[in-house]
C-alpha atoms as a PDB file:
ATOM      1  CA  LEU A   1      -0.183   0.262   0.102  1.00  0.00           C
ATOM      2  CA  VAL A   2       2.672   2.550   0.770  1.00  0.00           C
ATOM      3  CA  ALA A   3       4.968   1.539  -2.765  1.00  0.00           C
ATOM      4  CA  TRP A   4       1.417   2.224  -4.225  1.00  0.00           C
ATOM      5  CA  ALA A   5       1.065   5.528  -2.529  1.00  0.00           C
ATOM      6  CA  CYS A   6       4.691   6.482  -3.267  1.00  0.00           C
ATOM      7  CA  LEU A   7       3.928   5.651  -7.011  1.00  0.00           C
ATOM      8  CA  ALA A   8       1.018   7.969  -7.168  1.00  0.00           C
ATOM      9  CA  THR A   9       3.248  10.662  -5.442  1.00  0.00           C
ATOM     10  CA  GLY A  10       5.696  10.301  -8.544  1.00  0.00           C
ATOM     11  CA  LEU A  11       3.229  10.399 -10.852  1.00  0.00           C
ATOM     12  CA  MET A  12       1.334  13.513  -9.682  1.00  0.00           C
ATOM     13  CA  VAL A  13       5.085  15.210  -9.364  1.00  0.00           C
ATOM     14  CA  LEU A  14       5.545  14.349 -13.170  1.00  0.00           C
ATOM     15  CA  ALA A  15       2.451  15.592 -14.152  1.00  0.00           C
ATOM     16  CA  GLY A  16       3.211  18.779 -12.426  1.00  0.00           C
ATOM     17  CA  LEU A  17       6.377  19.055 -13.624  1.00  0.00           C
ATOM     18  CA  GLY A  18       4.752  18.411 -17.109  1.00  0.00           C
ATOM     19  CA  LEU A  19       2.418  21.199 -16.667  1.00  0.00           C
ATOM     20  CA  ALA A  20       5.369  23.426 -15.685  1.00  0.00           C
ATOM     21  CA  GLN A  21       7.000  22.550 -18.627  1.00  0.00           C
ATOM     22  CA  ALA A  22       4.240  22.852 -20.795  1.00  0.00           C
ATOM     23  CA  ARG A  23       3.213  26.142 -19.585  1.00  0.00           C
ATOM     24  CA  ALA A  24       7.121  27.637 -19.979  1.00  0.00           C
ATOM     25  CA  ARG A  25       8.017  26.035 -23.251  1.00  0.00           C
ATOM     26  CA  ARG A  26       4.657  27.822 -25.006  1.00  0.00           C
ATOM     27  CA  GLY A  27       7.178  30.007 -27.198  1.00  0.00           C
ATOM     28  CA  GLU A  28       9.047  26.959 -28.350  1.00  0.00           C
ATOM     29  CA  ALA A  29       6.110  25.049 -29.385  1.00  0.00           C
ATOM     30  CA  ALA A  30       4.615  27.851 -31.255  1.00  0.00           C
ATOM     31  CA  LEU A  31       7.949  28.320 -33.167  1.00  0.00           C
ATOM     32  CA  LEU A  32       8.720  24.883 -34.034  1.00  0.00           C
ATOM     33  CA  LYS A  33       4.513  25.142 -35.413  1.00  0.00           C
ATOM     34  CA  ALA A  34       5.467  28.487 -37.324  1.00  0.00           C
ATOM     35  CA  LEU A  35       8.299  26.704 -38.826  1.00  0.00           C
ATOM     36  CA  GLY A  36       6.353  23.676 -40.156  1.00  0.00           C
ATOM     37  CA  ALA A  37       6.518  20.824 -37.558  1.00  0.00           C
ATOM     38  CA  ARG A  38       3.705  18.895 -37.292  1.00  0.00           C
ATOM     39  CA  ARG A  39       1.932  17.911 -33.953  1.00  0.00           C
ATOM     40  CA  GLY A  40       2.717  14.232 -34.224  1.00  0.00           C
ATOM     41  CA  GLN A  41       6.509  15.697 -34.788  1.00  0.00           C
ATOM     42  CA  LEU A  42       5.876  17.711 -31.517  1.00  0.00           C
ATOM     43  CA  LEU A  43       4.473  15.039 -29.409  1.00  0.00           C
ATOM     44  CA  TRP A  44       7.276  12.393 -30.436  1.00  0.00           C
ATOM     45  CA  ALA A  45      10.038  14.921 -29.110  1.00  0.00           C
ATOM     46  CA  TRP A  46       8.227  15.688 -26.042  1.00  0.00           C
ATOM     47  CA  GLY A  47       7.348  11.837 -24.971  1.00  0.00           C
ATOM     48  CA  LEU A  48      10.847  10.982 -25.784  1.00  0.00           C
ATOM     49  CA  GLU A  49      12.123  13.829 -23.525  1.00  0.00           C
ATOM     50  CA  PHE A  50       9.894  12.409 -20.680  1.00  0.00           C
ATOM     51  CA  GLY A  51      10.532   8.821 -21.418  1.00  0.00           C
ATOM     52  CA  LEU A  52      14.385   9.504 -20.964  1.00  0.00           C
ATOM     53  CA  LEU A  53      14.111  11.450 -17.740  1.00  0.00           C
ATOM     54  CA  SER A  54      11.682   8.618 -16.509  1.00  0.00           C
ATOM     55  CA  ALA A  55      13.996   6.124 -17.702  1.00  0.00           C
ATOM     56  CA  LEU A  56      17.099   8.085 -15.998  1.00  0.00           C
ATOM     57  CA  ALA A  57      15.232   8.504 -12.706  1.00  0.00           C
ATOM     58  CA  SER A  58      13.678   5.210 -12.480  1.00  0.00           C
ATOM     59  CA  GLY A  59      17.107   3.659 -13.219  1.00  0.00           C
ATOM     60  CA  LEU A  60      18.360   5.613 -10.598  1.00  0.00           C
ATOM     61  CA  GLY A  61      16.022   4.833  -8.024  1.00  0.00           C
ATOM     62  CA  LEU A  62      16.082   1.021  -8.635  1.00  0.00           C
ATOM     63  CA  GLY A  63      19.678   1.035  -8.363  1.00  0.00           C
ATOM     64  CA  LEU A  64      19.761   2.431  -5.088  1.00  0.00           C
ATOM     65  CA  SER A  65      16.971   0.379  -3.773  1.00  0.00           C
ATOM     66  CA  LEU A  66      19.143  -2.617  -5.343  1.00  0.00           C
ATOM     67  CA  GLY A  67      22.193  -1.133  -3.220  1.00  0.00           C
ATOM     68  CA  PHE A  68      20.060  -0.568  -0.045  1.00  0.00           C
ATOM     69  CA  GLY A  69      18.451  -4.042  -0.143  1.00  0.00           C
ATOM     70  CA  TRP A  70      21.798  -5.721  -0.743  1.00  0.00           C
ATOM     71  CA  MET A  71      23.290  -3.991   2.279  1.00  0.00           C
ATOM     72  CA  LEU A  72      20.384  -4.527   4.147  1.00  0.00           C
ATOM     73  CA  LEU A  73      20.194  -8.396   3.573  1.00  0.00           C
ATOM     74  CA  THR A  74      23.568  -9.266   3.813  1.00  0.00           C
ATOM     75  CA  TRP A  75      25.019  -6.724   6.022  1.00  0.00           C
ATOM     76  CA  LEU A  76      22.074  -6.832   8.827  1.00  0.00           C
ATOM     77  CA  LEU A  77      20.448 -10.029   8.225  1.00  0.00           C
ATOM     78  CA  ASP A  78      22.739 -12.008   6.820  1.00  0.00           C
ATOM     79  CA  LEU A  79      20.933 -13.564   3.881  1.00  0.00           C
ATOM     80  CA  PRO A  80      22.034 -14.685   0.673  1.00  0.00           C
ATOM     81  CA  TYR A  81      20.870 -11.840  -2.163  1.00  0.00           C
ATOM     82  CA  LYS A  82      19.586 -12.593  -5.724  1.00  0.00           C
ATOM     83  CA  VAL A  83      18.811  -9.875  -7.696  1.00  0.00           C
ATOM     84  CA  PRO A  84      15.567 -10.288  -9.753  1.00  0.00           C
ATOM     85  CA  TRP A  85      16.773  -8.816 -13.240  1.00  0.00           C
ATOM     86  CA  LEU A  86      13.699 -10.154 -15.045  1.00  0.00           C
ATOM     87  CA  LEU A  87      11.297  -8.081 -12.743  1.00  0.00           C
ATOM     88  CA  LEU A  88      13.955  -5.148 -12.266  1.00  0.00           C
ATOM     89  CA  ALA A  89      13.854  -4.682 -16.196  1.00  0.00           C
ATOM     90  CA  GLY A  90       9.797  -5.015 -16.498  1.00  0.00           C
ATOM     91  CA  LEU A  91       9.792  -1.960 -13.740  1.00  0.00           C
ATOM     92  CA  TRP A  92      12.248   0.015 -15.294  1.00  0.00           C
ATOM     93  CA  THR A  93      10.100  -0.107 -18.566  1.00  0.00           C
ATOM     94  CA  LEU A  94       6.797   0.419 -16.839  1.00  0.00           C
ATOM     95  CA  PHE A  95       7.738   3.434 -15.168  1.00  0.00           C
ATOM     96  CA  SER A  96       9.988   4.662 -18.279  1.00  0.00           C
ATOM     97  CA  LEU A  97       6.529   4.499 -20.226  1.00  0.00           C
ATOM     98  CA  CYS A  98       4.596   5.783 -17.603  1.00  0.00           C
ATOM     99  CA  GLY A  99       6.741   8.518 -17.392  1.00  0.00           C
ATOM    100  CA  ALA A 100       6.519   9.369 -21.011  1.00  0.00           C
ATOM    101  CA  GLY A 101       2.833   8.844 -20.890  1.00  0.00           C
ATOM    102  CA  VAL A 102       2.182  11.548 -18.028  1.00  0.00           C
ATOM    103  CA  GLY A 103       4.432  13.885 -20.252  1.00  0.00           C
ATOM    104  CA  LEU A 104       2.309  13.942 -23.152  1.00  0.00           C
ATOM    105  CA  LEU A 105      -0.896  13.983 -21.397  1.00  0.00           C
ATOM    106  CA  SER A 106       0.318  16.816 -19.682  1.00  0.00           C
ATOM    107  CA  GLY A 107       1.579  18.749 -22.859  1.00  0.00           C
ATOM    108  CA  TRP A 108      -1.637  17.613 -24.594  1.00  0.00           C
ATOM    109  CA  ARG A 109      -3.662  20.761 -24.818  1.00  0.00           C
ATOM    110  CA  LEU A 110      -0.251  22.724 -25.811  1.00  0.00           C
ATOM    111  CA  PHE A 111       0.045  20.535 -28.890  1.00  0.00           C
ATOM    112  CA  ARG A 112      -3.641  21.281 -29.906  1.00  0.00           C
ATOM    113  CA  VAL A 113      -3.513  24.845 -29.943  1.00  0.00           C
ATOM    114  CA  LYS A 114      -2.692  26.866 -33.606  1.00  0.00           C
ATOM    115  CA  ALA A 115       0.720  28.355 -33.936  1.00  0.00           C
ATOM    116  CA  ALA A 116      -0.759  31.817 -34.350  1.00  0.00           C
ATOM    117  CA  GLU A 117      -2.686  31.661 -31.117  1.00  0.00           C
ATOM    118  CA  LEU A 118       0.022  30.932 -29.246  1.00  0.00           C
ATOM    119  CA  LEU A 119       2.455  33.480 -30.533  1.00  0.00           C
ATOM    120  CA  ARG A 120      -0.239  35.952 -30.061  1.00  0.00           C
ATOM    121  CA  GLU A 121      -0.517  34.958 -26.588  1.00  0.00           C
ATOM    122  CA  GLU A 122       3.483  35.363 -26.261  1.00  0.00           C
END
């Protein structure tokens, strides 16, 4: 239950980051649209950026949890330690895709607006 609460909190923080980034990058999106970038290209770039950030964050988190789990089991409890590589790969993929999805959803409205409207607001 605590782990799910932590994951939900992390997704909310990521969504907030995505919304803040969308507001901060309105001018960049408008300029790229005016120069001919299509909505699909902008969405792909946005998703790739959030996916890579999520992959980095989840890799760091999983790596630290492995290290602390190893220290706890071997040093404190004197138990053997076996790394569940398949589970870790699945979790890393899931977290990376969730991060990319949250990033895309948070910036979705920005990519639906026409470039002229965005440039008028700037």
